[in-house]
Amino acid sequence: ILNAGHTVAHALERATDYAIAHGEAVAIGLASEARAGERMAVTVPGTAAHIARLLAILGLSTTMPTGIDRARFLDAMLTDKKNRDGIVHATLVKAFGCVVPDGLIYTQPLDLQTLD
């Protein structure tokens, strides 16, 4: 699950000119991508809440910062190295400790409408 949360994290870093530390961005990305995975019906319901609770215990944020330029954030997602054929891909969590496989590739097309 090395890349889980990183599609959102890298876009968040770029959209904020790296004002957010990488670890904090990954925490937000993990939670955001898990919520998106639940909405896309590829993540077991309740997984996102479990991840968010654990990250909160560590004092990490799990929601997008206020005032984020959504257009800039979404534009930054288009440059992620995991993308294929112009489609944003993410390593989505299936359940705690497991990712959703796509054959031998562990990324899935990410429905950008499901991100919060």
Protein backbone atom coordinates (compact mmCIF):
# COMPACT_ATOMS: atom_id res chain seq x y z
CA ILE A 1 0.00 0.00 0.00
CA LEU A 2 2.99 2.23 -0.47
CA ASN A 3 1.26 4.65 -2.88
CA ALA A 4 -2.13 4.80 -1.12
CA GLY A 5 -3.11 8.41 -0.52
CA HIS A 6 -0.34 9.78 -2.71
CA THR A 7 -2.41 10.80 -5.74
CA VAL A 8 -4.36 13.28 -3.63
CA ALA A 9 -1.28 14.11 -1.52
CA HIS A 10 0.92 15.13 -4.42
CA ALA A 11 -1.85 17.22 -5.97
CA LEU A 12 -2.50 18.88 -2.62
CA GLU A 13 1.19 19.71 -2.23
CA ARG A 14 1.33 21.24 -5.71
CA ALA A 15 -1.94 23.15 -5.29
CA THR A 16 -0.64 24.74 -2.07
CA ASP A 17 2.89 25.42 -3.36
CA TYR A 18 4.16 22.83 -0.85
CA ALA A 19 2.81 24.74 2.17
CA ILE A 20 1.53 21.39 3.49
CA ALA A 21 4.12 18.88 4.71
CA HIS A 22 4.27 15.61 2.78
CA GLY A 23 3.18 13.48 5.77
CA GLU A 24 0.16 15.67 6.42
CA ALA A 25 -0.73 15.63 2.72
CA VAL A 26 -0.51 11.82 2.66
CA ALA A 27 -2.78 11.57 5.73
CA ILE A 28 -5.37 13.78 4.01
CA GLY A 29 -4.90 11.76 0.82
CA LEU A 30 -5.37 8.41 2.59
CA ALA A 31 -8.61 9.54 4.16
CA SER A 32 -9.89 11.29 1.03
CA GLU A 33 -9.08 8.39 -1.30
CA ALA A 34 -10.64 5.90 1.14
CA ARG A 35 -13.86 7.95 1.23
CA ALA A 36 -13.79 8.12 -2.58
CA GLY A 37 -13.23 4.35 -2.73
CA GLU A 38 -16.30 3.78 -0.55
CA ARG A 39 -18.37 6.04 -2.83
CA MET A 40 -17.04 4.11 -5.83
CA ALA A 41 -17.98 0.81 -4.07
CA VAL A 42 -14.42 -0.59 -4.19
CA THR A 43 -13.58 0.07 -0.53
CA VAL A 44 -15.28 -1.80 2.29
CA PRO A 45 -17.74 0.54 4.07
CA GLY A 46 -16.33 1.87 7.33
CA THR A 47 -12.71 1.64 6.17
CA ALA A 48 -12.42 5.39 5.63
CA ALA A 49 -13.72 6.14 9.12
CA HIS A 50 -11.27 3.60 10.60
CA ILE A 51 -8.35 5.21 8.76
CA ALA A 52 -9.49 8.71 9.75
CA ARG A 53 -9.75 7.71 13.43
CA LEU A 54 -6.22 6.29 13.45
CA LEU A 55 -4.78 9.34 11.69
CA ALA A 56 -6.59 11.65 14.12
CA ILE A 57 -5.01 9.79 17.05
CA LEU A 58 -1.66 10.69 15.50
CA GLY A 59 -2.74 14.33 15.32
CA LEU A 60 -2.98 14.37 11.53
CA SER A 61 -5.65 16.11 9.50
CA THR A 62 -7.95 13.98 7.36
CA THR A 63 -9.83 16.67 5.46
CA MET A 64 -8.86 19.15 2.78
CA PRO A 65 -7.69 22.50 4.09
CA THR A 66 -10.16 25.34 3.76
CA GLY A 67 -9.59 27.69 0.88
CA ILE A 68 -7.95 25.11 -1.39
CA ASP A 69 -8.18 26.11 -5.04
CA ARG A 70 -10.18 23.10 -6.28
CA ALA A 71 -9.42 23.76 -9.95
CA ARG A 72 -5.69 23.96 -9.26
CA PHE A 73 -5.89 20.82 -7.12
CA LEU A 74 -7.72 18.84 -9.82
CA ASP A 75 -5.35 20.15 -12.49
CA ALA A 76 -2.39 18.94 -10.41
CA MET A 77 -3.93 15.46 -10.26
CA LEU A 78 -3.62 15.22 -14.04
CA THR A 79 0.18 15.13 -13.78
CA ASP A 80 0.43 12.16 -11.38
CA LYS A 81 2.83 9.43 -12.49
CA LYS A 82 0.24 6.71 -11.82
CA ASN A 83 -2.14 8.08 -14.45
CA ARG A 84 -2.71 6.05 -17.59
CA ASP A 85 -4.15 7.17 -20.93
CA GLY A 86 -5.02 10.59 -19.53
CA ILE A 87 -7.11 9.10 -16.69
CA VAL A 88 -6.28 9.84 -13.06
CA HIS A 89 -5.40 6.64 -11.20
CA ALA A 90 -4.90 6.04 -7.49
CA THR A 91 -3.88 3.18 -5.25
CA LEU A 92 -7.23 2.71 -3.53
CA VAL A 93 -7.59 0.86 -0.25
CA LYS A 94 -9.98 -2.10 -0.43
CA ALA A 95 -9.96 -2.72 3.32
CA PHE A 96 -7.59 -1.88 6.13
CA GLY A 97 -4.16 -3.12 4.98
CA CYS A 98 -5.28 -4.19 1.46
CA VAL A 99 -5.46 -2.37 -1.85
CA VAL A 100 -7.74 -2.89 -4.84
CA PRO A 101 -5.80 -4.80 -7.52
CA ASP A 102 -6.27 -4.36 -11.25
CA GLY A 103 -4.51 -7.45 -12.51
CA LEU A 104 -0.84 -6.90 -11.70
CA ILE A 105 -1.31 -3.13 -11.38
CA TYR A 106 -2.42 -1.72 -8.06
CA THR A 107 -4.05 1.46 -9.24
CA GLN A 108 -7.63 2.17 -10.20
CA PRO A 109 -9.23 4.94 -12.24
CA LEU A 110 -10.28 7.55 -9.68
CA ASP A 111 -13.69 9.15 -10.10
CA LEU A 112 -12.81 12.77 -9.34
CA GLN A 113 -16.45 13.53 -8.55
CA THR A 114 -16.17 11.31 -5.45
CA LEU A 115 -13.36 13.33 -3.86
CA ASP A 116 -14.17 15.63 -0.98
